[in-house]
Amino acid sequence: MSLARRLWRWLSVSAQSAFGSPVRLPGLPPISDEVELISYLIQTPDLSQTIQAFGSDPAVMLAAIARCGPAERGSIRSVLNVIDGTEYMKVPEGQSSPLTPRNLFVLQIRRGTSVIRPMLERAGIDVRSLMFFIAHGVHEADGPVNPHHHQDSPQDSAHGAAQDSTCGVEILNDDFTPMEFVVHVLSEYLGMARTDAIRMMLEVHHKGSAILPQASMAQATQAAVSANACARHNYFPLFLRAVVRPTPAADAPSAARP
């Protein structure tokens, strides 16, 4: 984002906050604070149905955040900061804007006032698991089904030539984990140099998944478990899993010539 655009956005947010003008979003009533924002989001059909499919009750969530005191509700400025974050999020298929209930809910949990998330957790809502369910459509224990056909990456070929491994860590794409965090995980838990991690992250982003070979299944499992734990700690739905890659079949012998 250019400096001029940053300045214009700052002036716009400051002016709207100073005059106390409610935030208006498509399909939602005027919003004056984050409690109103997340309350309206939870009641939208899309998010409400997702919460119920996850196994939680939207009414319990609404009752929990209703307990926020006046100083804990956030402000027009904080609502605008949440909305601004959607600029970097994916526009869902069939939509014309990233301002969807799911995107806004995820951004509020990640960037909004620090009070709402603990309120939900004290009410028994597993927010980390809910974020994962919103991103992948299944519970983490069930494991997402990857619809993308995987093709060997340059990393596959380079590592395969060195160690002929059939074990690896598969990294799955989602619409909510920032690219920079994926690069951090690849560097920290899979030992990749930053340039290689950026290349792998982009492959995951464009193809839906990628596999990084490992020396053993135990090593692959440990890397995946540690990376997933880091992602959940930071409320990201990034998912890695240990996989067994098929050993390439040996070349068939050529037919004997007469």
Foldseek 3Di string as FASTA:
>chain_A
DDPVVVVVLVVVLVVCQVVQFFDDDPPADTHFFQLRVLLRLCPDPVNVVLCVVLPDHSVLLNVLSVPDDPVQGGGRSLLVVLVVVLVPFDADPPGDGSPHSLSSNLSCPQRNGPPSVVSNVVSPDLLLQSLLCSWQVDGVVVPHDQPFDDDADPLNVVVCVVQVAQKWKKWFDTGPDDLVLQLVLCCPLVVDDSVVSSVLSVCCVVRGMHIHGDNDQVSNAVSQVVSCVVCSVSSHNIHMHMDGHDRDDDDDDDDDDD
